[in-house]
Amino acid sequence: MIPTLVFDIETIPDVAGIRALTDYEGSDAEVAERAFAARREKTGSDFLPHHWHRVCAISCVMRDQDGLRVKSLGQLEDDEPRLLQQFFSTIDKYTPQLVSWNGGGFDLPVLNYRALIHAVPAPRYWDWGDDDRDFKWNNYLSRYHTRHLDLMDVLAMYTGRANAPLDDMAKLCGFPGKLGMDGSKVWQAYQDGQLEQIRAYCETDVMNTWLVYCRFKRLRGTLTSAAYDQEMDLVRQTLGQLDGAHWKEYLDAWK
């Protein structure tokens, strides 16, 4: 079995970077708000440029011959370079199938910029066939290769106007979807010292992605109906053994 690594990140404004690139002054909250305001004036949205984001959480589902695991990388006290190194080291170790929802549009570009800023090596991830010729025709970087599968992009037929939110698709498929938080609330939660809650939210979101991916595999015929049911049972069994109120809430919402 080729390992499958489903991933999701949560980000906050890179206040130090914004200060370095602008003349904004004040507290972290004031600098971030000035950046949001400038962005709203320019684009109508307060979504910051990718390189102005800082990663505060990376959550993963790993499915391999040893079973199913879901967790956030690192510890609460770990800094951004440590989180990035753990993520790319996992790719170096396992060469997994990467799966995301909008990972090509957001998560990976952010991870690319942040790894560049912090000089975090990621040789397997960046292999275009230099070390492994198989990667020339199927690597993590090409939009149309499948070693990284951006499920949102694929389902939309690589047409941005057809993109759908993960929360909507998860709920339409009968899965829990988002529970109590979304990306727009992460910055405030971070300022309030709620990093543990952010990590919990990120974990449930990456589990939503895994469940939708299993449904996609059933659609493609790479999972039989019986195998799909077994995967669903495995998820319920795995989550039922985990600590954390968010998993009890997640299972309760999954009818």
Protein backbone atom coordinates (compact mmCIF):
# COMPACT_ATOMS: atom_id res chain seq x y z
CA MET A 1 0.00 0.00 0.00
CA ILE A 2 1.38 3.41 -0.99
CA PRO A 3 1.05 5.67 2.08
CA THR A 4 -1.49 8.46 1.73
CA LEU A 5 -0.86 11.74 3.54
CA VAL A 6 -3.79 14.14 3.71
CA PHE A 7 -2.80 17.56 5.00
CA ASP A 8 -4.25 20.92 5.96
CA ILE A 9 -2.69 24.07 7.39
CA GLU A 10 -3.91 27.00 9.43
CA THR A 11 -2.23 30.38 9.13
CA ILE A 12 -2.05 33.75 10.79
CA PRO A 13 -0.65 37.05 9.46
CA ASP A 14 3.15 37.11 9.36
CA VAL A 15 3.31 40.30 11.39
CA ALA A 16 7.11 40.40 11.45
CA GLY A 17 7.21 40.03 7.68
CA ILE A 18 4.53 42.66 7.17
CA ARG A 19 6.52 45.08 9.33
CA ALA A 20 9.62 44.37 7.23
CA LEU A 21 7.76 45.09 3.98
CA THR A 22 5.66 48.09 5.04
CA ASP A 23 5.75 51.13 7.30
CA TYR A 24 2.98 49.74 9.53
CA GLU A 25 3.54 50.34 13.23
CA GLY A 26 1.80 49.37 16.44
CA SER A 27 0.88 46.11 18.14
CA ASP A 28 0.63 42.84 16.26
CA ALA A 29 -3.14 43.22 16.11
CA GLU A 30 -2.85 46.79 14.79
CA VAL A 31 -0.30 45.85 12.13
CA ALA A 32 -2.45 42.93 10.99
CA GLU A 33 -5.57 45.10 10.85
CA ARG A 34 -3.78 47.68 8.71
CA ALA A 35 -2.75 44.89 6.36
CA PHE A 36 -6.32 43.58 6.22
CA ALA A 37 -7.68 47.07 5.58
CA ALA A 38 -5.21 47.72 2.77
CA ARG A 39 -6.11 44.40 1.22
CA ARG A 40 -9.85 45.11 1.44
CA GLU A 41 -9.34 48.45 -0.25
CA LYS A 42 -7.32 46.86 -3.05
CA THR A 43 -9.27 43.63 -3.66
CA GLY A 44 -12.52 43.81 -1.71
CA SER A 45 -11.34 40.97 0.53
CA ASP A 46 -9.06 40.91 3.57
CA PHE A 47 -7.35 37.71 2.35
CA LEU A 48 -3.64 38.46 2.53
CA PRO A 49 -1.09 37.53 -0.15
CA HIS A 50 0.24 34.01 0.29
CA HIS A 51 3.70 35.15 1.36
CA TRP A 52 2.18 37.26 4.16
CA HIS A 53 0.84 34.16 5.93
CA ARG A 54 2.60 32.34 8.75
CA VAL A 55 1.84 28.70 9.47
CA CYS A 56 0.58 28.04 12.99
CA ALA A 57 -0.76 24.49 12.55
CA ILE A 58 -0.31 21.55 10.18
CA SER A 59 -2.62 18.58 10.62
CA CYS A 60 -2.37 15.28 8.77
CA VAL A 61 -4.15 12.01 8.22
CA MET A 62 -1.76 9.18 7.40
CA ARG A 63 -3.19 5.98 5.93
CA ASP A 64 -0.77 3.11 5.29
CA GLN A 65 -0.37 -0.59 5.97
CA ASP A 66 -0.12 0.17 9.69
CA GLY A 67 -3.58 1.71 9.82
CA LEU A 68 -5.00 5.23 10.10
CA ARG A 69 -3.54 8.06 12.13
CA VAL A 70 -4.59 11.68 12.52
CA LYS A 71 -2.72 14.37 14.41
CA SER A 72 -1.27 17.85 14.33
CA LEU A 73 2.46 18.03 13.77
CA GLY A 74 4.72 19.17 16.55
CA GLN A 75 3.87 20.50 19.98
CA LEU A 76 2.10 23.68 21.03
CA GLU A 77 5.42 25.36 21.77
CA ASP A 78 7.05 24.47 18.44
CA ASP A 79 7.87 27.33 16.10
CA GLU A 80 7.03 27.54 12.41
CA PRO A 81 10.35 26.12 11.09
CA ARG A 82 9.90 23.05 13.29
CA LEU A 83 6.41 22.42 11.90
CA LEU A 84 7.64 22.85 8.33
CA GLN A 85 10.57 20.50 8.89
CA GLN A 86 8.31 17.80 10.29
CA PHE A 87 5.97 18.05 7.32
CA PHE A 88 8.67 17.85 4.65
CA SER A 89 10.61 15.19 6.59
CA THR A 90 7.48 13.03 6.49
CA ILE A 91 7.46 13.34 2.70
CA ASP A 92 11.19 12.54 2.59
CA LYS A 93 10.63 9.41 4.69
CA TYR A 94 7.48 7.94 3.13
CA THR A 95 7.12 9.47 -0.38
CA PRO A 96 3.37 9.41 0.19
CA GLN A 97 0.45 10.22 -2.03
CA LEU A 98 -0.39 13.78 -0.97
CA VAL A 99 -4.05 14.75 -0.82
CA SER A 100 -5.50 18.17 -0.05
CA TRP A 101 -8.48 20.41 -0.59
CA ASN A 102 -7.22 23.56 -2.34
CA GLY A 103 -3.68 22.57 -1.44
CA GLY A 104 -2.45 23.67 -4.86
CA GLY A 105 -4.13 27.04 -4.53
CA PHE A 106 -3.24 27.85 -0.95
CA ASP A 107 -1.56 25.33 1.37
CA LEU A 108 1.41 24.34 -0.77
CA PRO A 109 2.26 27.85 -2.04
CA VAL A 110 2.27 29.06 1.57
CA LEU A 111 4.41 26.12 2.66
CA ASN A 112 6.77 26.79 -0.27
CA TYR A 113 7.26 30.43 0.67
CA ARG A 114 7.67 29.70 4.38
CA ALA A 115 10.16 26.90 3.75
CA LEU A 116 12.15 29.24 1.51
CA ILE A 117 12.15 31.98 4.15
CA HIS A 118 13.32 29.60 6.88
CA ALA A 119 15.69 27.58 4.63
CA VAL A 120 13.91 24.32 5.41
CA PRO A 121 15.15 21.57 3.06
CA ALA A 122 12.59 19.42 1.25
CA PRO A 123 14.50 17.37 -1.36
CA ARG A 124 11.88 14.69 -2.03
CA TYR A 125 9.09 17.20 -2.35
CA TRP A 126 11.09 19.30 -4.85
CA ASP A 127 12.33 16.35 -6.91
CA TRP A 128 11.46 16.92 -10.59
CA GLY A 129 13.30 13.81 -11.72
CA ASP A 130 16.83 14.82 -10.78
CA ASP A 131 17.19 11.93 -8.31
CA ASP A 132 14.27 9.69 -9.31
CA ARG A 133 13.26 9.60 -12.97
CA ASP A 134 9.72 8.55 -12.05
CA PHE A 135 9.33 12.04 -10.64
CA LYS A 136 9.91 13.59 -14.05
CA TRP A 137 6.46 12.43 -15.11
CA ASN A 138 4.69 12.42 -11.77
CA ASN A 139 5.90 14.82 -9.09
CA TYR A 140 4.47 16.88 -6.26
CA LEU A 141 4.78 20.22 -8.07
CA SER A 142 2.85 19.80 -11.32
CA ARG A 143 -0.81 20.76 -11.19
CA TYR A 144 -1.79 17.90 -13.50
CA HIS A 145 0.27 15.17 -11.86
CA THR A 146 -1.33 13.01 -9.20
CA ARG A 147 1.45 12.55 -6.65
CA HIS A 148 -0.20 15.56 -5.06
CA LEU A 149 -3.96 15.41 -5.61
CA ASP A 150 -5.77 18.68 -4.97
CA LEU A 151 -9.21 17.16 -4.72
CA MET A 152 -11.03 20.46 -5.06
CA ASP A 153 -9.13 21.32 -8.23
CA VAL A 154 -9.71 17.89 -9.77
CA LEU A 155 -13.44 17.80 -9.03
CA ALA A 156 -13.79 21.30 -10.50
CA MET A 157 -12.05 20.09 -13.70
CA TYR A 158 -9.23 22.60 -13.02
CA THR A 159 -11.76 25.41 -13.49
CA GLY A 160 -11.75 27.94 -10.66
CA ARG A 161 -15.30 29.05 -11.28
CA ALA A 162 -16.48 25.53 -10.38
CA ASN A 163 -14.62 25.30 -7.04
CA ALA A 164 -16.66 24.16 -4.06
CA PRO A 165 -15.94 24.66 -0.34
CA LEU A 166 -14.82 21.59 1.59
CA ASP A 167 -17.40 22.26 4.30
CA ASP A 168 -20.23 22.15 1.77
CA MET A 169 -19.03 19.00 0.05
CA ALA A 170 -18.35 17.18 3.33
CA LYS A 171 -21.84 17.93 4.60
CA LEU A 172 -23.46 17.05 1.27
CA CYS A 173 -21.69 13.68 1.44
CA GLY A 174 -23.04 13.10 4.95
CA PHE A 175 -19.87 13.93 6.88
CA PRO A 176 -19.67 16.41 9.79
CA GLY A 177 -17.97 19.34 8.03
CA LYS A 178 -16.68 22.26 10.06
CA LEU A 179 -17.55 22.42 13.74
CA GLY A 180 -17.55 25.82 15.42
CA MET A 181 -14.60 27.44 13.66
CA ASP A 182 -13.45 28.40 10.21
CA GLY A 183 -10.36 29.97 8.71
CA SER A 184 -11.64 33.52 9.23
CA LYS A 185 -11.66 33.00 13.01
CA VAL A 186 -8.15 31.59 13.37
CA TRP A 187 -6.33 34.91 13.81
CA GLN A 188 -8.61 36.03 16.65
CA ALA A 189 -8.39 32.60 18.26
CA TYR A 190 -4.60 32.75 18.06
CA GLN A 191 -4.54 36.17 19.71
CA ASP A 192 -6.76 34.76 22.45
CA GLY A 193 -4.23 32.02 23.16
CA GLN A 194 -6.36 29.26 21.66
CA LEU A 195 -3.72 27.45 19.61
CA GLU A 196 -4.87 24.09 20.96
CA GLN A 197 -8.39 24.79 19.65
CA ILE A 198 -6.94 25.84 16.28
CA ARG A 199 -5.07 22.56 16.04
CA ALA A 200 -8.23 20.65 16.94
CA TYR A 201 -10.15 22.49 14.22
CA CYS A 202 -7.40 21.76 11.71
CA GLU A 203 -7.53 18.06 12.62
CA THR A 204 -11.27 17.82 12.01
CA ASP A 205 -10.88 19.64 8.71
CA VAL A 206 -8.20 17.25 7.50
CA MET A 207 -10.43 14.35 8.52
CA ASN A 208 -13.21 15.87 6.40
CA THR A 209 -10.78 15.85 3.48
CA TRP A 210 -9.88 12.21 4.07
CA LEU A 211 -13.53 11.17 4.16
CA VAL A 212 -14.34 13.05 0.95
CA TYR A 213 -11.25 11.51 -0.65
CA CYS A 214 -12.50 8.03 0.29
CA ARG A 215 -15.81 8.89 -1.38
CA PHE A 216 -13.86 10.03 -4.44
CA LYS A 217 -11.99 6.72 -4.53
CA ARG A 218 -15.34 4.94 -4.41
CA LEU A 219 -16.46 7.14 -7.32
CA ARG A 220 -13.39 6.15 -9.33
CA GLY A 221 -13.77 2.48 -8.50
CA THR A 222 -10.43 2.23 -6.71
CA LEU A 223 -12.41 1.34 -3.56
CA THR A 224 -15.15 -1.24 -3.79
CA SER A 225 -18.34 -0.66 -1.84
CA ALA A 226 -17.20 -3.16 0.79
CA ALA A 227 -13.72 -1.59 1.01
CA TYR A 228 -15.26 1.87 1.35
CA ASP A 229 -17.45 0.69 4.22
CA GLN A 230 -14.38 -0.80 5.89
CA GLU A 231 -12.58 2.55 5.62
CA MET A 232 -15.54 4.32 7.22
CA ASP A 233 -15.56 1.77 10.03
CA LEU A 234 -11.83 2.24 10.51
CA VAL A 235 -12.27 6.00 10.81
CA ARG A 236 -15.02 5.64 13.42
CA GLN A 237 -12.99 3.09 15.36
CA THR A 238 -9.82 5.21 15.22
CA LEU A 239 -11.52 8.44 16.27
CA GLY A 240 -13.36 6.67 19.07
CA GLN A 241 -10.03 5.76 20.63
CA LEU A 242 -8.61 9.29 20.54
CA ASP A 243 -8.64 11.80 23.37
CA GLY A 244 -10.09 15.22 22.73
CA ALA A 245 -13.55 16.68 23.01
CA HIS A 246 -13.42 17.65 19.33
CA TRP A 247 -13.43 14.01 18.28
CA LYS A 248 -16.45 13.19 20.41
CA GLU A 249 -18.23 16.19 18.91
CA TYR A 250 -17.16 15.08 15.44
CA LEU A 251 -18.45 11.54 15.90
CA ASP A 252 -21.71 12.80 17.42
CA ALA A 253 -22.22 14.99 14.35
CA TRP A 254 -21.54 12.09 11.98
CA LYS A 255 -24.85 10.28 11.68
